[in-house]
Amino acid sequence: MTFEEAVTELKTGAKLTRLGWNDRGAWITMHDGYLRIMGGVDRDGKLHDLILRDGDIFADDWQSVDSVN
Protein backbone atom coordinates (compact mmCIF):
# COMPACT_ATOMS: atom_id res chain seq x y z
CA MET A 1 0.00 0.00 0.00
CA THR A 2 1.08 3.61 -0.44
CA PHE A 3 2.04 5.86 2.45
CA GLU A 4 -1.28 7.69 2.16
CA GLU A 5 -3.11 4.39 2.55
CA ALA A 6 -0.78 3.45 5.40
CA VAL A 7 -1.65 6.61 7.33
CA THR A 8 -5.34 5.78 7.06
CA GLU A 9 -4.62 2.32 8.47
CA LEU A 10 -2.42 3.72 11.24
CA LYS A 11 -5.27 5.96 12.40
CA THR A 12 -7.31 2.81 13.08
CA GLY A 13 -4.57 1.34 15.29
CA ALA A 14 -2.86 -0.87 12.69
CA LYS A 15 0.75 -2.00 12.96
CA LEU A 16 2.60 -1.57 9.66
CA THR A 17 5.97 -2.36 8.18
CA ARG A 18 7.78 -1.79 4.91
CA LEU A 19 9.21 -4.55 2.78
CA GLY A 20 12.09 -2.20 1.92
CA TRP A 21 13.29 -1.90 5.52
CA ASN A 22 16.45 -3.86 6.36
CA ASP A 23 15.18 -4.64 9.87
CA ARG A 24 12.41 -7.15 9.14
CA GLY A 25 11.22 -7.03 12.75
CA ALA A 26 10.49 -3.30 12.75
CA TRP A 27 6.95 -1.95 12.61
CA ILE A 28 5.20 1.35 13.21
CA THR A 29 2.06 2.37 14.99
CA MET A 30 0.26 5.57 15.95
CA HIS A 31 0.68 6.25 19.69
CA ASP A 32 -0.57 9.41 21.39
CA GLY A 33 -0.83 11.13 18.01
CA TYR A 34 2.73 10.33 16.94
CA LEU A 35 4.14 7.71 14.61
CA ARG A 36 6.28 5.39 16.69
CA ILE A 37 8.60 2.62 15.62
CA MET A 38 8.97 -0.71 17.40
CA GLY A 39 11.58 -3.39 16.95
CA GLY A 40 14.43 -1.07 16.09
CA VAL A 41 18.09 -2.00 16.13
CA ASP A 42 18.54 -1.76 19.90
CA ARG A 43 15.63 -4.16 20.54
CA ASP A 44 14.92 -2.60 23.93
CA GLY A 45 11.19 -3.15 23.61
CA LYS A 46 10.31 0.55 23.78
CA LEU A 47 8.48 2.72 21.27
CA HIS A 48 10.69 5.30 19.59
CA ASP A 49 9.78 8.33 17.50
CA LEU A 50 9.92 7.58 13.79
CA ILE A 51 11.84 9.83 11.44
CA LEU A 52 10.35 9.34 7.99
CA ARG A 53 12.60 9.64 4.98
CA ASP A 54 11.66 10.40 1.39
CA GLY A 55 11.88 6.71 0.57
CA ASP A 56 9.27 5.91 3.22
CA ILE A 57 6.84 8.60 2.08
CA PHE A 58 7.03 7.68 -1.61
CA ALA A 59 7.14 3.90 -1.07
CA ASP A 60 4.30 1.62 -2.08
CA ASP A 61 5.49 -1.44 -0.13
CA TRP A 62 3.74 -0.72 3.20
CA GLN A 63 2.04 -3.79 4.65
CA SER A 64 0.13 -4.80 7.73
CA VAL A 65 2.34 -6.67 10.19
CA ASP A 66 -0.30 -9.43 10.23
CA SER A 67 0.02 -9.96 6.46
CA VAL A 68 3.82 -10.29 6.70
CA ASN A 69 3.82 -12.95 9.44
C-alpha atoms as a PDB file:
ATOM      1  CA  MET A   1       0.000   0.000   0.000  1.00  0.00           C
ATOM      2  CA  THR A   2       1.076   3.608  -0.444  1.00  0.00           C
ATOM      3  CA  PHE A   3       2.038   5.863   2.450  1.00  0.00           C
ATOM      4  CA  GLU A   4      -1.277   7.689   2.156  1.00  0.00           C
ATOM      5  CA  GLU A   5      -3.113   4.387   2.550  1.00  0.00           C
ATOM      6  CA  ALA A   6      -0.783   3.449   5.396  1.00  0.00           C
ATOM      7  CA  VAL A   7      -1.648   6.614   7.327  1.00  0.00           C
ATOM      8  CA  THR A   8      -5.343   5.778   7.058  1.00  0.00           C
ATOM      9  CA  GLU A   9      -4.620   2.316   8.468  1.00  0.00           C
ATOM     10  CA  LEU A  10      -2.421   3.720  11.237  1.00  0.00           C
ATOM     11  CA  LYS A  11      -5.266   5.961  12.396  1.00  0.00           C
ATOM     12  CA  THR A  12      -7.311   2.811  13.083  1.00  0.00           C
ATOM     13  CA  GLY A  13      -4.569   1.337  15.288  1.00  0.00           C
ATOM     14  CA  ALA A  14      -2.865  -0.867  12.689  1.00  0.00           C
ATOM     15  CA  LYS A  15       0.749  -1.998  12.956  1.00  0.00           C
ATOM     16  CA  LEU A  16       2.597  -1.567   9.662  1.00  0.00           C
ATOM     17  CA  THR A  17       5.971  -2.357   8.184  1.00  0.00           C
ATOM     18  CA  ARG A  18       7.778  -1.790   4.907  1.00  0.00           C
ATOM     19  CA  LEU A  19       9.214  -4.547   2.776  1.00  0.00           C
ATOM     20  CA  GLY A  20      12.090  -2.197   1.921  1.00  0.00           C
ATOM     21  CA  TRP A  21      13.290  -1.902   5.515  1.00  0.00           C
ATOM     22  CA  ASN A  22      16.446  -3.855   6.361  1.00  0.00           C
ATOM     23  CA  ASP A  23      15.185  -4.644   9.867  1.00  0.00           C
ATOM     24  CA  ARG A  24      12.408  -7.150   9.140  1.00  0.00           C
ATOM     25  CA  GLY A  25      11.220  -7.027  12.752  1.00  0.00           C
ATOM     26  CA  ALA A  26      10.487  -3.296  12.750  1.00  0.00           C
ATOM     27  CA  TRP A  27       6.948  -1.954  12.606  1.00  0.00           C
ATOM     28  CA  ILE A  28       5.205   1.353  13.210  1.00  0.00           C
ATOM     29  CA  THR A  29       2.056   2.368  14.990  1.00  0.00           C
ATOM     30  CA  MET A  30       0.265   5.567  15.954  1.00  0.00           C
ATOM     31  CA  HIS A  31       0.680   6.249  19.691  1.00  0.00           C
ATOM     32  CA  ASP A  32      -0.572   9.409  21.391  1.00  0.00           C
ATOM     33  CA  GLY A  33      -0.826  11.134  18.011  1.00  0.00           C
ATOM     34  CA  TYR A  34       2.734  10.329  16.939  1.00  0.00           C
ATOM     35  CA  LEU A  35       4.139   7.710  14.613  1.00  0.00           C
ATOM     36  CA  ARG A  36       6.283   5.387  16.694  1.00  0.00           C
ATOM     37  CA  ILE A  37       8.604   2.617  15.622  1.00  0.00           C
ATOM     38  CA  MET A  38       8.974  -0.707  17.402  1.00  0.00           C
ATOM     39  CA  GLY A  39      11.580  -3.388  16.953  1.00  0.00           C
ATOM     40  CA  GLY A  40      14.430  -1.068  16.092  1.00  0.00           C
ATOM     41  CA  VAL A  41      18.090  -2.003  16.128  1.00  0.00           C
ATOM     42  CA  ASP A  42      18.536  -1.761  19.904  1.00  0.00           C
ATOM     43  CA  ARG A  43      15.634  -4.157  20.535  1.00  0.00           C
ATOM     44  CA  ASP A  44      14.923  -2.602  23.928  1.00  0.00           C
ATOM     45  CA  GLY A  45      11.193  -3.151  23.608  1.00  0.00           C
ATOM     46  CA  LYS A  46      10.307   0.552  23.775  1.00  0.00           C
ATOM     47  CA  LEU A  47       8.475   2.722  21.270  1.00  0.00           C
ATOM     48  CA  HIS A  48      10.693   5.303  19.593  1.00  0.00           C
ATOM     49  CA  ASP A  49       9.781   8.332  17.503  1.00  0.00           C
ATOM     50  CA  LEU A  50       9.924   7.583  13.792  1.00  0.00           C
ATOM     51  CA  ILE A  51      11.839   9.828  11.443  1.00  0.00           C
ATOM     52  CA  LEU A  52      10.355   9.340   7.990  1.00  0.00           C
ATOM     53  CA  ARG A  53      12.599   9.639   4.984  1.00  0.00           C
ATOM     54  CA  ASP A  54      11.656  10.397   1.387  1.00  0.00           C
ATOM     55  CA  GLY A  55      11.881   6.710   0.569  1.00  0.00           C
ATOM     56  CA  ASP A  56       9.271   5.910   3.222  1.00  0.00           C
ATOM     57  CA  ILE A  57       6.838   8.599   2.075  1.00  0.00           C
ATOM     58  CA  PHE A  58       7.033   7.679  -1.608  1.00  0.00           C
ATOM     59  CA  ALA A  59       7.142   3.900  -1.070  1.00  0.00           C
ATOM     60  CA  ASP A  60       4.299   1.616  -2.078  1.00  0.00           C
ATOM     61  CA  ASP A  61       5.489  -1.435  -0.130  1.00  0.00           C
ATOM     62  CA  TRP A  62       3.743  -0.720   3.196  1.00  0.00           C
ATOM     63  CA  GLN A  63       2.042  -3.792   4.649  1.00  0.00           C
ATOM     64  CA  SER A  64       0.129  -4.804   7.729  1.00  0.00           C
ATOM     65  CA  VAL A  65       2.337  -6.667  10.191  1.00  0.00           C
ATOM     66  CA  ASP A  66      -0.303  -9.426  10.226  1.00  0.00           C
ATOM     67  CA  SER A  67       0.020  -9.961   6.462  1.00  0.00           C
ATOM     68  CA  VAL A  68       3.818 -10.295   6.701  1.00  0.00           C
ATOM     69  CA  ASN A  69       3.821 -12.950   9.439  1.00  0.00           C
END
